């Protein structure tokens, strides 16, 4: 089982990044997916989630209107489009998969660093 995030990096305030999370080793299409982030010295927090079929998405209030989560089940990939980034978005971003039929079955990626700085 693998979840591999990519797309992180350094971006200026106001800029955009698109994160990707490629899944392998499990039935991606039956898993709800979510993005989480952990800033230095802070707890990990969920920023966005999407159901197994992409029909329902949810966002933390801090990112609503600026972040968009999407998935492509044919490519076993989930995305996070992040716009209008501010320094508060600096964090390691993780994707997580949760089995829609067994909530205890959860997989995490290793994370990708996002740094927003001028």
C-alpha atoms as a PDB file:
ATOM      1  CA  UNK A   1       0.000   0.000   0.000  1.00  0.00           C
ATOM      2  CA  UNK A   2       1.345   3.375  -0.970  1.00  0.00           C
ATOM      3  CA  UNK A   3       0.170   6.957  -1.011  1.00  0.00           C
ATOM      4  CA  UNK A   4       2.725   9.244  -2.603  1.00  0.00           C
ATOM      5  CA  UNK A   5       2.227  12.985  -2.455  1.00  0.00           C
ATOM      6  CA  UNK A   6       3.862  15.377  -4.886  1.00  0.00           C
ATOM      7  CA  UNK A   7       3.594  18.971  -6.025  1.00  0.00           C
ATOM      8  CA  UNK A   8       4.769  20.748  -2.910  1.00  0.00           C
ATOM      9  CA  UNK A   9       7.400  23.440  -2.920  1.00  0.00           C
ATOM     10  CA  UNK A  10       8.094  27.103  -2.337  1.00  0.00           C
ATOM     11  CA  UNK A  11       5.518  29.600  -3.531  1.00  0.00           C
ATOM     12  CA  UNK A  12       5.087  33.314  -3.010  1.00  0.00           C
ATOM     13  CA  UNK A  13       2.113  34.683  -1.077  1.00  0.00           C
ATOM     14  CA  UNK A  14      -0.905  34.862  -3.316  1.00  0.00           C
ATOM     15  CA  UNK A  15       0.369  32.039  -5.475  1.00  0.00           C
ATOM     16  CA  UNK A  16      -1.028  28.613  -6.260  1.00  0.00           C
ATOM     17  CA  UNK A  17       0.055  25.011  -6.013  1.00  0.00           C
ATOM     18  CA  UNK A  18      -1.532  21.748  -7.041  1.00  0.00           C
ATOM     19  CA  UNK A  19      -0.782  18.742  -4.901  1.00  0.00           C
ATOM     20  CA  UNK A  20      -1.225  15.189  -6.140  1.00  0.00           C
ATOM     21  CA  UNK A  21      -1.454  11.952  -4.227  1.00  0.00           C
ATOM     22  CA  UNK A  22      -0.969   8.746  -6.184  1.00  0.00           C
ATOM     23  CA  UNK A  23      -2.346   5.578  -4.626  1.00  0.00           C
ATOM     24  CA  UNK A  24      -1.364   1.984  -5.183  1.00  0.00           C
ATOM     25  CA  UNK A  25      -1.825  -1.377  -3.527  1.00  0.00           C
ATOM     26  CA  UNK A  26      -5.468  -1.004  -2.574  1.00  0.00           C
ATOM     27  CA  UNK A  27      -8.865  -0.425  -4.165  1.00  0.00           C
ATOM     28  CA  UNK A  28      -8.679   3.331  -4.433  1.00  0.00           C
ATOM     29  CA  UNK A  29     -12.231   3.764  -5.675  1.00  0.00           C
ATOM     30  CA  UNK A  30     -13.760   2.480  -2.416  1.00  0.00           C
ATOM     31  CA  UNK A  31     -11.806   4.859  -0.245  1.00  0.00           C
ATOM     32  CA  UNK A  32     -12.762   8.343   0.804  1.00  0.00           C
ATOM     33  CA  UNK A  33      -9.734  10.594   0.572  1.00  0.00           C
ATOM     34  CA  UNK A  34      -8.652  13.644   2.484  1.00  0.00           C
ATOM     35  CA  UNK A  35      -5.845  16.128   2.713  1.00  0.00           C
ATOM     36  CA  UNK A  36      -4.351  17.141   6.021  1.00  0.00           C
ATOM     37  CA  UNK A  37      -1.610  19.509   6.996  1.00  0.00           C
ATOM     38  CA  UNK A  38       0.703  19.957   9.906  1.00  0.00           C
ATOM     39  CA  UNK A  39       2.505  23.209  10.535  1.00  0.00           C
ATOM     40  CA  UNK A  40       5.570  23.389  12.784  1.00  0.00           C
ATOM     41  CA  UNK A  41       4.564  23.140  16.404  1.00  0.00           C
ATOM     42  CA  UNK A  42       0.916  22.494  15.595  1.00  0.00           C
ATOM     43  CA  UNK A  43      -1.340  19.491  15.441  1.00  0.00           C
ATOM     44  CA  UNK A  44      -2.238  17.889  12.159  1.00  0.00           C
ATOM     45  CA  UNK A  45      -5.524  19.205  10.792  1.00  0.00           C
ATOM     46  CA  UNK A  46      -7.825  18.122   8.020  1.00  0.00           C
ATOM     47  CA  UNK A  47      -8.287  20.680   5.266  1.00  0.00           C
ATOM     48  CA  UNK A  48     -10.393  18.865   2.677  1.00  0.00           C
ATOM     49  CA  UNK A  49     -12.108  15.553   2.035  1.00  0.00           C
ATOM     50  CA  UNK A  50     -13.879  13.808  -0.817  1.00  0.00           C
ATOM     51  CA  UNK A  51     -16.085  10.739  -0.915  1.00  0.00           C
ATOM     52  CA  UNK A  52     -15.179   7.593  -2.819  1.00  0.00           C
ATOM     53  CA  UNK A  53     -17.097   8.699  -5.898  1.00  0.00           C
ATOM     54  CA  UNK A  54     -16.286  12.384  -5.696  1.00  0.00           C
ATOM     55  CA  UNK A  55     -19.906  13.326  -5.112  1.00  0.00           C
ATOM     56  CA  UNK A  56     -19.352  15.082  -1.790  1.00  0.00           C
ATOM     57  CA  UNK A  57     -16.517  17.351  -0.768  1.00  0.00           C
ATOM     58  CA  UNK A  58     -15.888  19.155   2.477  1.00  0.00           C
ATOM     59  CA  UNK A  59     -13.473  21.874   3.484  1.00  0.00           C
ATOM     60  CA  UNK A  60     -12.163  23.441   6.610  1.00  0.00           C
ATOM     61  CA  UNK A  61     -13.447  26.991   6.951  1.00  0.00           C
ATOM     62  CA  UNK A  62      -9.909  28.334   6.672  1.00  0.00           C
ATOM     63  CA  UNK A  63      -9.563  27.114   3.075  1.00  0.00           C
ATOM     64  CA  UNK A  64     -13.104  27.314   1.711  1.00  0.00           C
ATOM     65  CA  UNK A  65     -13.231  29.119  -1.591  1.00  0.00           C
ATOM     66  CA  UNK A  66      -9.478  28.823  -2.119  1.00  0.00           C
ATOM     67  CA  UNK A  67      -8.754  25.079  -2.062  1.00  0.00           C
ATOM     68  CA  UNK A  68     -10.384  22.444  -4.243  1.00  0.00           C
ATOM     69  CA  UNK A  69     -10.128  18.700  -3.753  1.00  0.00           C
ATOM     70  CA  UNK A  70     -10.757  16.362  -6.661  1.00  0.00           C
ATOM     71  CA  UNK A  71     -10.073  12.756  -7.577  1.00  0.00           C
ATOM     72  CA  UNK A  72      -9.602  10.640 -10.650  1.00  0.00           C
ATOM     73  CA  UNK A  73     -10.436   7.031  -9.864  1.00  0.00           C
ATOM     74  CA  UNK A  74      -9.147   5.913 -13.249  1.00  0.00           C
ATOM     75  CA  UNK A  75      -5.727   7.256 -12.293  1.00  0.00           C
ATOM     76  CA  UNK A  76      -5.913   6.340  -8.578  1.00  0.00           C
ATOM     77  CA  UNK A  77      -5.056   9.930  -7.755  1.00  0.00           C
ATOM     78  CA  UNK A  78      -6.447  12.655  -5.541  1.00  0.00           C
ATOM     79  CA  UNK A  79      -5.589  16.311  -5.996  1.00  0.00           C
ATOM     80  CA  UNK A  80      -5.608  19.482  -3.961  1.00  0.00           C
ATOM     81  CA  UNK A  81      -5.641  22.747  -5.872  1.00  0.00           C
ATOM     82  CA  UNK A  82      -4.566  25.552  -3.578  1.00  0.00           C
ATOM     83  CA  UNK A  83      -5.035  29.176  -4.593  1.00  0.00           C
ATOM     84  CA  UNK A  84      -4.419  32.517  -2.909  1.00  0.00           C
ATOM     85  CA  UNK A  85      -1.904  30.968  -0.585  1.00  0.00           C
ATOM     86  CA  UNK A  86      -0.796  32.820   2.493  1.00  0.00           C
ATOM     87  CA  UNK A  87       2.087  32.165   4.899  1.00  0.00           C
ATOM     88  CA  UNK A  88      -0.341  30.342   7.206  1.00  0.00           C
ATOM     89  CA  UNK A  89      -0.545  27.589   4.613  1.00  0.00           C
ATOM     90  CA  UNK A  90       3.065  26.643   5.234  1.00  0.00           C
ATOM     91  CA  UNK A  91       2.990  23.055   6.419  1.00  0.00           C
ATOM     92  CA  UNK A  92       3.609  19.468   5.476  1.00  0.00           C
ATOM     93  CA  UNK A  93       0.586  18.234   3.540  1.00  0.00           C
ATOM     94  CA  UNK A  94      -0.513  14.618   3.830  1.00  0.00           C
ATOM     95  CA  UNK A  95      -3.112  12.634   1.991  1.00  0.00           C
ATOM     96  CA  UNK A  96      -5.133   9.970   3.748  1.00  0.00           C
ATOM     97  CA  UNK A  97      -7.343   7.191   2.521  1.00  0.00           C
ATOM     98  CA  UNK A  98     -10.150   5.712   4.574  1.00  0.00           C
ATOM     99  CA  UNK A  99     -12.049   2.615   3.537  1.00  0.00           C
ATOM    100  CA  UNK A 100     -15.704   3.516   2.982  1.00  0.00           C
ATOM    101  CA  UNK A 101     -16.707   0.057   4.282  1.00  0.00           C
ATOM    102  CA  UNK A 102     -14.303  -0.188   7.191  1.00  0.00           C
ATOM    103  CA  UNK A 103     -13.454   3.130   8.801  1.00  0.00           C
ATOM    104  CA  UNK A 104     -10.644   1.596  10.823  1.00  0.00           C
ATOM    105  CA  UNK A 105      -8.687   0.902   7.634  1.00  0.00           C
ATOM    106  CA  UNK A 106      -6.717   4.068   7.078  1.00  0.00           C
ATOM    107  CA  UNK A 107      -3.606   4.784   5.037  1.00  0.00           C
ATOM    108  CA  UNK A 108      -1.378   7.837   5.142  1.00  0.00           C
ATOM    109  CA  UNK A 109       1.160   9.235   2.750  1.00  0.00           C
ATOM    110  CA  UNK A 110       4.569  10.514   3.774  1.00  0.00           C
ATOM    111  CA  UNK A 111       3.735  14.149   3.126  1.00  0.00           C
ATOM    112  CA  UNK A 112       4.949  16.968   0.917  1.00  0.00           C
ATOM    113  CA  UNK A 113       6.270  20.286   2.157  1.00  0.00           C
ATOM    114  CA  UNK A 114       4.518  23.492   1.161  1.00  0.00           C
ATOM    115  CA  UNK A 115       6.238  26.747   2.014  1.00  0.00           C
ATOM    116  CA  UNK A 116       4.624  30.090   1.333  1.00  0.00           C
ATOM    117  CA  UNK A 117       7.155  32.868   1.571  1.00  0.00           C
ATOM    118  CA  UNK A 118       8.434  35.871  -0.328  1.00  0.00           C
END
